[in-house]
Amino acid sequence: MGSFIEIEDAEELIAQALDMSELEQDAFFTMGENEYTIKELVEETGRSRSMVQRAVKELTDKGVVVREGRTDKTVYYVYKRVPLDNVQQKVKVILEEWNTEMRGLLNN
């Protein structure tokens, strides 16, 4: 979190705290409680397959999306958001660390 920004709702706070790109936000909030394939996310977001794959990989690396293998004639992967409570807890930790860091700057 670089500078002060105006945040209007919880979605914006989550996106800012987790440093999500616009596409990462689209994919993350589109998922909701459902599972999506890359193809479905491409259709939902209107972005290219490679861009969606990159965004989903970033979300997976950030620990807010998980990938699960499925088999139906072929092996494929579905992606789903971790429970929102877990994401909110992760954001709370980030905010607490930021708060501690900022308070430390004032104490120097």
Protein backbone atom coordinates (compact mmCIF):
# COMPACT_ATOMS: atom_id res chain seq x y z
CA MET A 1 0.00 0.00 0.00
CA GLY A 2 1.76 3.09 -1.21
CA SER A 3 -0.15 6.22 -0.39
CA PHE A 4 -3.48 7.13 1.11
CA ILE A 5 -6.34 6.37 -1.21
CA GLU A 6 -10.05 6.76 -0.96
CA ILE A 7 -11.70 3.40 -0.50
CA GLU A 8 -15.45 3.14 -0.85
CA ASP A 9 -16.19 -0.50 -0.01
CA ALA A 10 -14.79 -3.86 1.09
CA GLU A 11 -14.10 -4.99 -2.48
CA GLU A 12 -11.87 -1.97 -3.10
CA LEU A 13 -10.09 -2.54 0.20
CA ILE A 14 -9.41 -6.19 -0.65
CA ALA A 15 -8.17 -5.26 -4.12
CA GLN A 16 -5.86 -2.52 -2.82
CA ALA A 17 -4.49 -4.53 0.11
CA LEU A 18 -3.73 -7.49 -2.16
CA ASP A 19 -2.37 -5.25 -4.92
CA MET A 20 -4.74 -6.70 -7.53
CA SER A 21 -4.68 -5.60 -11.13
CA GLU A 22 -7.98 -4.71 -12.78
CA LEU A 23 -8.14 -8.13 -14.42
CA GLU A 24 -7.29 -9.91 -11.17
CA GLN A 25 -10.16 -8.03 -9.54
CA ASP A 26 -12.54 -8.98 -12.36
CA ALA A 27 -11.59 -12.65 -12.11
CA PHE A 28 -11.61 -12.75 -8.30
CA PHE A 29 -14.97 -11.06 -7.83
CA THR A 30 -16.55 -12.91 -10.79
CA MET A 31 -15.73 -16.24 -9.15
CA GLY A 32 -17.84 -15.60 -6.09
CA GLU A 33 -18.56 -19.00 -4.57
CA ASN A 34 -18.42 -20.81 -7.92
CA GLU A 35 -15.76 -22.78 -9.76
CA TYR A 36 -14.55 -21.53 -13.11
CA THR A 37 -12.34 -22.87 -15.86
CA ILE A 38 -9.97 -20.51 -17.63
CA LYS A 39 -12.27 -20.69 -20.67
CA GLU A 40 -15.25 -19.57 -18.58
CA LEU A 41 -13.27 -16.69 -17.06
CA VAL A 42 -12.17 -15.64 -20.56
CA GLU A 43 -15.85 -15.51 -21.56
CA GLU A 44 -16.84 -13.61 -18.40
CA THR A 45 -14.04 -11.04 -18.53
CA GLY A 46 -13.71 -10.65 -22.29
CA ARG A 47 -9.92 -10.85 -22.02
CA SER A 48 -7.47 -13.10 -23.81
CA ARG A 49 -6.71 -16.57 -22.51
CA SER A 50 -3.08 -15.70 -21.74
CA MET A 51 -4.07 -12.59 -19.79
CA VAL A 52 -6.64 -14.53 -17.75
CA GLN A 53 -4.16 -17.35 -17.08
CA ARG A 54 -1.61 -14.82 -15.84
CA ALA A 55 -4.17 -13.10 -13.60
CA VAL A 56 -5.37 -16.40 -12.12
CA LYS A 57 -1.78 -17.48 -11.48
CA GLU A 58 -1.18 -14.20 -9.61
CA LEU A 59 -4.33 -14.74 -7.54
CA THR A 60 -3.20 -18.30 -6.79
CA ASP A 61 0.25 -17.03 -5.78
CA LYS A 62 -1.43 -14.49 -3.48
CA GLY A 63 -3.28 -17.34 -1.81
CA VAL A 64 -6.80 -16.16 -2.60
CA VAL A 65 -7.64 -18.63 -5.39
CA VAL A 66 -7.07 -22.38 -5.48
CA ARG A 67 -6.72 -24.71 -8.46
CA GLU A 68 -8.30 -28.16 -8.46
CA GLY A 69 -7.94 -30.88 -11.06
CA ARG A 70 -11.05 -32.49 -12.55
CA THR A 71 -11.51 -35.42 -14.91
CA ASP A 72 -14.30 -35.68 -17.46
CA LYS A 73 -12.94 -37.55 -20.50
CA THR A 74 -9.87 -35.31 -20.15
CA VAL A 75 -8.06 -33.71 -17.22
CA TYR A 76 -8.78 -30.03 -16.72
CA TYR A 77 -8.52 -27.48 -13.93
CA VAL A 78 -11.10 -25.37 -12.18
CA TYR A 79 -10.33 -22.34 -10.07
CA LYS A 80 -12.22 -21.07 -7.10
CA ARG A 81 -11.83 -18.37 -4.56
CA VAL A 82 -10.83 -19.33 -1.06
CA PRO A 83 -13.60 -18.57 1.45
CA LEU A 84 -14.14 -14.84 1.73
CA ASP A 85 -13.61 -15.01 5.51
CA ASN A 86 -10.06 -16.26 4.85
CA VAL A 87 -9.43 -13.46 2.36
CA GLN A 88 -10.74 -10.88 4.82
CA GLN A 89 -8.46 -12.28 7.54
CA LYS A 90 -5.48 -12.04 5.16
CA VAL A 91 -6.38 -8.40 4.45
CA LYS A 92 -6.68 -7.67 8.18
CA VAL A 93 -3.15 -8.99 8.73
CA ILE A 94 -1.85 -6.84 5.87
CA LEU A 95 -3.57 -3.78 7.32
CA GLU A 96 -2.25 -4.48 10.82
CA GLU A 97 1.31 -4.82 9.47
CA TRP A 98 0.90 -1.58 7.49
CA ASN A 99 -0.49 0.20 10.56
CA THR A 100 2.43 -0.97 12.70
CA GLU A 101 4.90 0.14 10.05
CA MET A 102 3.29 3.59 9.74
CA ARG A 103 3.20 4.05 13.52
CA GLY A 104 6.87 3.14 13.62
CA LEU A 105 7.63 5.91 11.14
CA LEU A 106 5.93 8.41 13.43
CA ASN A 107 7.93 7.21 16.42
CA ASN A 108 11.32 7.73 14.74
